[in-house]
N, C-alpha and C. Protein backbone atom coordinates (compact mmCIF):
# COMPACT_ATOMS: atom_id res chain seq x y z
N MET A 1 -50.49 310.17 189.46
CA MET A 1 -49.76 310.25 188.22
C MET A 1 -49.74 308.90 187.51
N TYR A 2 -49.47 307.82 188.26
CA TYR A 2 -49.41 306.50 187.64
C TYR A 2 -50.78 306.05 187.17
N MET A 3 -51.83 306.49 187.85
CA MET A 3 -53.17 306.10 187.46
C MET A 3 -53.51 306.63 186.07
N ASN A 4 -52.99 307.80 185.72
CA ASN A 4 -53.24 308.35 184.39
C ASN A 4 -52.65 307.45 183.31
N ASN A 5 -51.51 306.85 183.58
CA ASN A 5 -50.91 305.93 182.62
C ASN A 5 -51.80 304.72 182.40
N TYR A 6 -52.37 304.20 183.47
CA TYR A 6 -53.26 303.05 183.34
C TYR A 6 -54.53 303.41 182.58
N VAL A 7 -55.02 304.62 182.78
CA VAL A 7 -56.21 305.07 182.07
C VAL A 7 -55.93 305.14 180.57
N VAL A 8 -54.78 305.66 180.20
CA VAL A 8 -54.41 305.76 178.78
C VAL A 8 -54.30 304.36 178.17
N VAL A 9 -53.66 303.44 178.88
CA VAL A 9 -53.54 302.07 178.39
C VAL A 9 -54.91 301.43 178.25
N ALA A 10 -55.78 301.64 179.23
CA ALA A 10 -57.13 301.07 179.18
C ALA A 10 -57.92 301.64 178.00
N ILE A 11 -57.77 302.93 177.73
CA ILE A 11 -58.47 303.54 176.60
C ILE A 11 -57.99 302.94 175.29
N PHE A 12 -56.68 302.82 175.13
CA PHE A 12 -56.15 302.23 173.89
C PHE A 12 -56.55 300.76 173.76
N LEU A 13 -56.59 300.04 174.86
CA LEU A 13 -57.02 298.65 174.83
C LEU A 13 -58.48 298.55 174.39
N MET A 14 -59.33 299.40 174.95
CA MET A 14 -60.74 299.39 174.56
C MET A 14 -60.91 299.78 173.10
N LEU A 15 -60.17 300.79 172.65
CA LEU A 15 -60.25 301.18 171.24
C LEU A 15 -59.74 300.07 170.33
N GLY A 16 -58.68 299.41 170.74
CA GLY A 16 -58.13 298.33 169.94
C GLY A 16 -59.09 297.16 169.78
N VAL A 17 -59.94 296.94 170.76
CA VAL A 17 -60.94 295.88 170.67
C VAL A 17 -62.21 296.38 170.00
N LEU A 18 -62.62 297.58 170.34
CA LEU A 18 -63.90 298.12 169.88
C LEU A 18 -63.90 298.47 168.40
N LEU A 19 -62.85 299.09 167.89
CA LEU A 19 -62.84 299.52 166.49
C LEU A 19 -62.98 298.36 165.50
N PRO A 20 -62.24 297.27 165.62
CA PRO A 20 -62.47 296.16 164.68
C PRO A 20 -63.86 295.56 164.79
N VAL A 21 -64.38 295.45 166.02
CA VAL A 21 -65.72 294.89 166.19
C VAL A 21 -66.76 295.78 165.53
N VAL A 22 -66.65 297.08 165.72
CA VAL A 22 -67.60 298.02 165.10
C VAL A 22 -67.46 297.98 163.58
N ALA A 23 -66.24 297.97 163.07
CA ALA A 23 -66.03 297.95 161.61
C ALA A 23 -66.61 296.68 160.99
N LEU A 24 -66.38 295.54 161.61
CA LEU A 24 -66.93 294.29 161.08
C LEU A 24 -68.45 294.25 161.17
N THR A 25 -69.00 294.78 162.25
CA THR A 25 -70.46 294.80 162.40
C THR A 25 -71.10 295.72 161.38
N VAL A 26 -70.55 296.90 161.17
CA VAL A 26 -71.09 297.83 160.17
C VAL A 26 -70.97 297.22 158.78
N GLY A 27 -69.86 296.59 158.47
CA GLY A 27 -69.70 295.94 157.18
C GLY A 27 -70.73 294.84 156.96
N ARG A 28 -70.99 294.08 157.99
CA ARG A 28 -71.98 293.00 157.88
C ARG A 28 -73.39 293.56 157.70
N LEU A 29 -73.70 294.68 158.34
CA LEU A 29 -75.03 295.27 158.21
C LEU A 29 -75.24 295.94 156.86
N LEU A 30 -74.20 296.51 156.28
CA LEU A 30 -74.34 297.28 155.04
C LEU A 30 -74.15 296.46 153.77
N ARG A 31 -73.54 295.31 153.86
CA ARG A 31 -73.27 294.54 152.64
C ARG A 31 -74.54 293.88 152.12
N PRO A 32 -74.60 293.67 150.83
CA PRO A 32 -75.74 292.94 150.28
C PRO A 32 -75.59 291.45 150.58
N ASN A 33 -76.67 290.82 150.93
CA ASN A 33 -76.64 289.41 151.27
C ASN A 33 -77.33 288.62 150.17
N LYS A 34 -76.54 288.05 149.28
CA LYS A 34 -77.07 287.27 148.16
C LYS A 34 -76.38 285.90 148.16
N PRO A 35 -76.89 284.96 148.94
CA PRO A 35 -76.24 283.64 148.96
C PRO A 35 -76.48 282.89 147.65
N VAL A 36 -75.41 282.52 146.99
CA VAL A 36 -75.46 281.78 145.74
C VAL A 36 -74.49 280.60 145.89
N GLU A 37 -74.91 279.44 145.43
CA GLU A 37 -74.06 278.24 145.54
C GLU A 37 -72.73 278.42 144.83
N GLU A 38 -72.71 279.21 143.77
CA GLU A 38 -71.49 279.42 142.99
C GLU A 38 -70.39 280.12 143.79
N LYS A 39 -70.78 280.90 144.78
CA LYS A 39 -69.80 281.60 145.60
C LYS A 39 -68.96 280.64 146.44
N TYR A 40 -69.47 279.47 146.71
CA TYR A 40 -68.78 278.53 147.58
C TYR A 40 -67.92 277.53 146.82
N THR A 41 -67.83 277.65 145.51
CA THR A 41 -67.00 276.73 144.73
C THR A 41 -65.56 277.24 144.67
N THR A 42 -64.66 276.35 144.31
CA THR A 42 -63.25 276.70 144.19
C THR A 42 -63.04 277.54 142.95
N TYR A 43 -62.25 278.60 143.08
CA TYR A 43 -61.99 279.51 141.97
C TYR A 43 -60.53 279.39 141.56
N GLU A 44 -60.30 279.10 140.29
CA GLU A 44 -58.93 278.99 139.78
C GLU A 44 -58.75 279.91 138.58
N SER A 45 -58.61 281.17 138.82
CA SER A 45 -58.31 282.17 137.79
C SER A 45 -59.30 282.13 136.63
N GLY A 46 -60.54 281.89 136.91
CA GLY A 46 -61.56 281.89 135.87
C GLY A 46 -61.70 280.59 135.13
N ASN A 47 -60.82 279.63 135.37
CA ASN A 47 -60.89 278.33 134.71
C ASN A 47 -61.70 277.36 135.56
N GLU A 48 -62.17 276.31 134.93
CA GLU A 48 -62.86 275.27 135.67
C GLU A 48 -61.86 274.56 136.59
N PRO A 49 -62.22 274.32 137.84
CA PRO A 49 -61.29 273.65 138.76
C PRO A 49 -60.93 272.24 138.29
N VAL A 50 -59.68 271.88 138.47
CA VAL A 50 -59.19 270.56 138.10
C VAL A 50 -58.70 269.88 139.36
N GLY A 51 -59.19 268.70 139.65
CA GLY A 51 -58.76 267.96 140.84
C GLY A 51 -59.44 268.47 142.09
N GLU A 52 -58.86 268.10 143.23
CA GLU A 52 -59.44 268.50 144.51
C GLU A 52 -58.96 269.89 144.91
N SER A 53 -59.77 270.56 145.70
CA SER A 53 -59.38 271.89 146.15
C SER A 53 -58.46 271.82 147.36
N HIS A 54 -58.48 270.73 148.07
CA HIS A 54 -57.62 270.58 149.24
C HIS A 54 -56.36 269.81 148.84
N VAL A 55 -55.23 270.50 148.90
CA VAL A 55 -53.96 269.89 148.54
C VAL A 55 -53.21 269.59 149.83
N ARG A 56 -52.65 268.42 149.92
CA ARG A 56 -51.88 268.04 151.10
C ARG A 56 -50.44 268.53 150.93
N PHE A 57 -50.00 269.35 151.86
CA PHE A 57 -48.64 269.85 151.84
C PHE A 57 -47.77 268.94 152.71
N ASN A 58 -46.53 268.85 152.32
CA ASN A 58 -45.57 268.10 153.12
C ASN A 58 -45.35 268.83 154.44
N ILE A 59 -45.31 268.08 155.53
CA ILE A 59 -45.14 268.68 156.86
C ILE A 59 -43.82 269.41 156.98
N ARG A 60 -42.86 269.10 156.13
CA ARG A 60 -41.55 269.76 156.18
C ARG A 60 -41.67 271.26 155.91
N TYR A 61 -42.66 271.67 155.13
CA TYR A 61 -42.86 273.11 154.91
C TYR A 61 -43.07 273.83 156.24
N TYR A 62 -43.86 273.23 157.09
CA TYR A 62 -44.16 273.86 158.37
C TYR A 62 -42.94 273.87 159.28
N LEU A 63 -42.15 272.81 159.23
CA LEU A 63 -40.94 272.77 160.05
C LEU A 63 -39.94 273.83 159.60
N PHE A 64 -39.78 273.99 158.29
CA PHE A 64 -38.89 275.03 157.78
C PHE A 64 -39.42 276.41 158.15
N ALA A 65 -40.73 276.59 158.05
CA ALA A 65 -41.32 277.89 158.40
C ALA A 65 -41.12 278.18 159.88
N LEU A 66 -41.28 277.18 160.72
CA LEU A 66 -41.09 277.36 162.15
C LEU A 66 -39.64 277.71 162.47
N MET A 67 -38.71 277.03 161.83
CA MET A 67 -37.30 277.34 162.03
C MET A 67 -36.99 278.77 161.57
N PHE A 68 -37.57 279.17 160.45
CA PHE A 68 -37.36 280.53 159.96
C PHE A 68 -37.88 281.55 160.96
N VAL A 69 -39.07 281.33 161.49
CA VAL A 69 -39.65 282.28 162.44
C VAL A 69 -38.79 282.37 163.69
N ILE A 70 -38.32 281.25 164.18
CA ILE A 70 -37.48 281.26 165.39
C ILE A 70 -36.22 282.10 165.17
N PHE A 71 -35.54 281.87 164.05
CA PHE A 71 -34.29 282.60 163.83
C PHE A 71 -34.54 284.02 163.33
N ASP A 72 -35.69 284.29 162.79
CA ASP A 72 -36.05 285.65 162.43
C ASP A 72 -36.30 286.47 163.68
N VAL A 73 -36.97 285.89 164.65
CA VAL A 73 -37.21 286.57 165.92
C VAL A 73 -35.89 286.79 166.65
N GLU A 74 -34.96 285.86 166.48
CA GLU A 74 -33.64 286.04 167.09
C GLU A 74 -32.99 287.33 166.59
N THR A 75 -33.09 287.60 165.30
CA THR A 75 -32.48 288.83 164.78
C THR A 75 -33.19 290.06 165.31
N VAL A 76 -34.48 289.95 165.57
CA VAL A 76 -35.21 291.08 166.15
C VAL A 76 -34.66 291.40 167.54
N PHE A 77 -34.27 290.37 168.29
CA PHE A 77 -33.70 290.60 169.62
C PHE A 77 -32.23 291.00 169.55
N LEU A 78 -31.50 290.49 168.58
CA LEU A 78 -30.07 290.78 168.49
C LEU A 78 -29.78 292.20 168.03
N TYR A 79 -30.57 292.74 167.14
CA TYR A 79 -30.27 294.06 166.58
C TYR A 79 -30.27 295.16 167.63
N PRO A 80 -31.33 295.31 168.45
CA PRO A 80 -31.27 296.38 169.46
C PRO A 80 -30.15 296.16 170.47
N TRP A 81 -29.87 294.91 170.79
CA TRP A 81 -28.77 294.63 171.70
C TRP A 81 -27.45 295.08 171.10
N ALA A 82 -27.24 294.80 169.82
CA ALA A 82 -25.98 295.19 169.16
C ALA A 82 -25.84 296.70 169.08
N VAL A 83 -26.95 297.39 168.88
CA VAL A 83 -26.91 298.85 168.79
C VAL A 83 -26.54 299.46 170.13
N ALA A 84 -27.08 298.91 171.22
CA ALA A 84 -26.86 299.48 172.55
C ALA A 84 -25.80 298.73 173.34
N TYR A 85 -24.96 297.95 172.69
CA TYR A 85 -24.01 297.10 173.40
C TYR A 85 -23.04 297.89 174.28
N LYS A 86 -22.54 299.01 173.80
CA LYS A 86 -21.54 299.78 174.56
C LYS A 86 -22.10 300.28 175.89
N GLN A 87 -23.38 300.64 175.90
CA GLN A 87 -23.98 301.14 177.14
C GLN A 87 -24.37 299.99 178.08
N LEU A 88 -24.58 298.80 177.56
CA LEU A 88 -25.09 297.70 178.37
C LEU A 88 -24.01 296.99 179.17
N GLY A 89 -22.84 296.85 178.61
CA GLY A 89 -21.73 296.27 179.36
C GLY A 89 -21.64 294.75 179.27
N LEU A 90 -20.83 294.19 180.17
CA LEU A 90 -20.49 292.77 180.15
C LEU A 90 -21.68 291.88 180.50
N PHE A 91 -22.53 292.33 181.41
CA PHE A 91 -23.68 291.51 181.82
C PHE A 91 -24.60 291.23 180.63
N ALA A 92 -24.83 292.24 179.80
CA ALA A 92 -25.68 292.05 178.61
C ALA A 92 -25.01 291.11 177.62
N LEU A 93 -23.69 291.16 177.53
CA LEU A 93 -22.97 290.24 176.64
C LEU A 93 -23.16 288.80 177.09
N VAL A 94 -23.06 288.56 178.39
CA VAL A 94 -23.26 287.21 178.92
C VAL A 94 -24.69 286.75 178.67
N GLU A 95 -25.66 287.62 178.90
CA GLU A 95 -27.06 287.26 178.64
C GLU A 95 -27.29 286.92 177.18
N MET A 96 -26.71 287.70 176.28
CA MET A 96 -26.92 287.44 174.85
C MET A 96 -26.20 286.17 174.43
N CYS A 97 -25.05 285.90 175.02
CA CYS A 97 -24.36 284.63 174.71
C CYS A 97 -25.19 283.44 175.16
N ILE A 98 -25.83 283.54 176.31
CA ILE A 98 -26.72 282.47 176.77
C ILE A 98 -27.89 282.31 175.81
N PHE A 99 -28.47 283.41 175.38
CA PHE A 99 -29.60 283.38 174.44
C PHE A 99 -29.20 282.72 173.12
N VAL A 100 -28.09 283.15 172.55
CA VAL A 100 -27.63 282.58 171.29
C VAL A 100 -27.22 281.12 171.50
N GLY A 101 -26.63 280.81 172.65
CA GLY A 101 -26.27 279.43 172.95
C GLY A 101 -27.48 278.51 172.98
N LEU A 102 -28.57 278.97 173.58
CA LEU A 102 -29.80 278.17 173.58
C LEU A 102 -30.32 277.95 172.17
N LEU A 103 -30.23 278.97 171.34
CA LEU A 103 -30.67 278.81 169.95
C LEU A 103 -29.77 277.84 169.20
N VAL A 104 -28.48 277.88 169.47
CA VAL A 104 -27.56 276.94 168.82
C VAL A 104 -27.86 275.52 169.27
N VAL A 105 -28.16 275.33 170.55
CA VAL A 105 -28.53 274.00 171.04
C VAL A 105 -29.80 273.52 170.33
N GLY A 106 -30.78 274.40 170.15
CA GLY A 106 -31.98 274.03 169.41
C GLY A 106 -31.70 273.70 167.96
N LEU A 107 -30.79 274.44 167.35
CA LEU A 107 -30.42 274.17 165.96
C LEU A 107 -29.71 272.82 165.84
N ILE A 108 -28.83 272.52 166.78
CA ILE A 108 -28.14 271.22 166.77
C ILE A 108 -29.15 270.10 166.96
N TYR A 109 -30.10 270.30 167.86
CA TYR A 109 -31.15 269.30 168.08
C TYR A 109 -31.95 269.06 166.80
N ALA A 110 -32.33 270.15 166.12
CA ALA A 110 -33.07 270.02 164.86
C ALA A 110 -32.23 269.32 163.81
N TRP A 111 -30.95 269.60 163.79
CA TRP A 111 -30.05 268.97 162.83
C TRP A 111 -29.94 267.46 163.10
N LYS A 112 -29.81 267.10 164.38
CA LYS A 112 -29.71 265.68 164.74
C LYS A 112 -31.00 264.93 164.42
N LYS A 113 -32.14 265.59 164.58
CA LYS A 113 -33.44 264.98 164.27
C LYS A 113 -33.74 265.01 162.77
N LYS A 114 -32.82 265.56 161.99
CA LYS A 114 -32.93 265.64 160.52
C LYS A 114 -34.13 266.47 160.07
N VAL A 115 -34.43 267.50 160.84
CA VAL A 115 -35.50 268.42 160.46
C VAL A 115 -35.08 269.26 159.26
N LEU A 116 -33.79 269.52 159.13
CA LEU A 116 -33.30 270.40 158.08
C LEU A 116 -33.05 269.69 156.76
N GLN A 117 -33.27 268.38 156.71
CA GLN A 117 -33.10 267.64 155.46
C GLN A 117 -34.44 267.52 154.76
N TRP A 118 -34.46 267.78 153.48
CA TRP A 118 -35.72 267.74 152.74
C TRP A 118 -36.10 266.32 152.35
N THR A 119 -35.13 265.46 152.12
CA THR A 119 -35.44 264.09 151.69
C THR A 119 -36.11 263.34 152.83
N SER A 120 -36.86 262.31 152.48
CA SER A 120 -37.58 261.56 153.51
C SER A 120 -36.60 260.80 154.39
N ILE A 121 -37.00 260.59 155.60
CA ILE A 121 -36.13 259.96 156.60
C ILE A 121 -36.09 258.46 156.40
């Protein structure tokens, strides 16, 4: 009985890998191949490009994005826990308090390191 479950997982895993590979290969075989130098230039809404195409972003954008992802994932974990809290009991409450406590410690650390301030250090 358990072997059937593994077979189903293996089939889905193979399909998950095989379908994108086949789709990309078929697309590459069927597309027209017309290499033109103009295709590799920077495109700005039909206008002639002004300045360099590579813009340097402030590293703070990435830090804010990382903080957002961390706390966004936290809500993904908190919501199912909150929905099923009555059935889970005190042990789940303690586990979630530890989880949120670790996130608060990380937030305090980021605050002390001035990651959340936009002005230069």
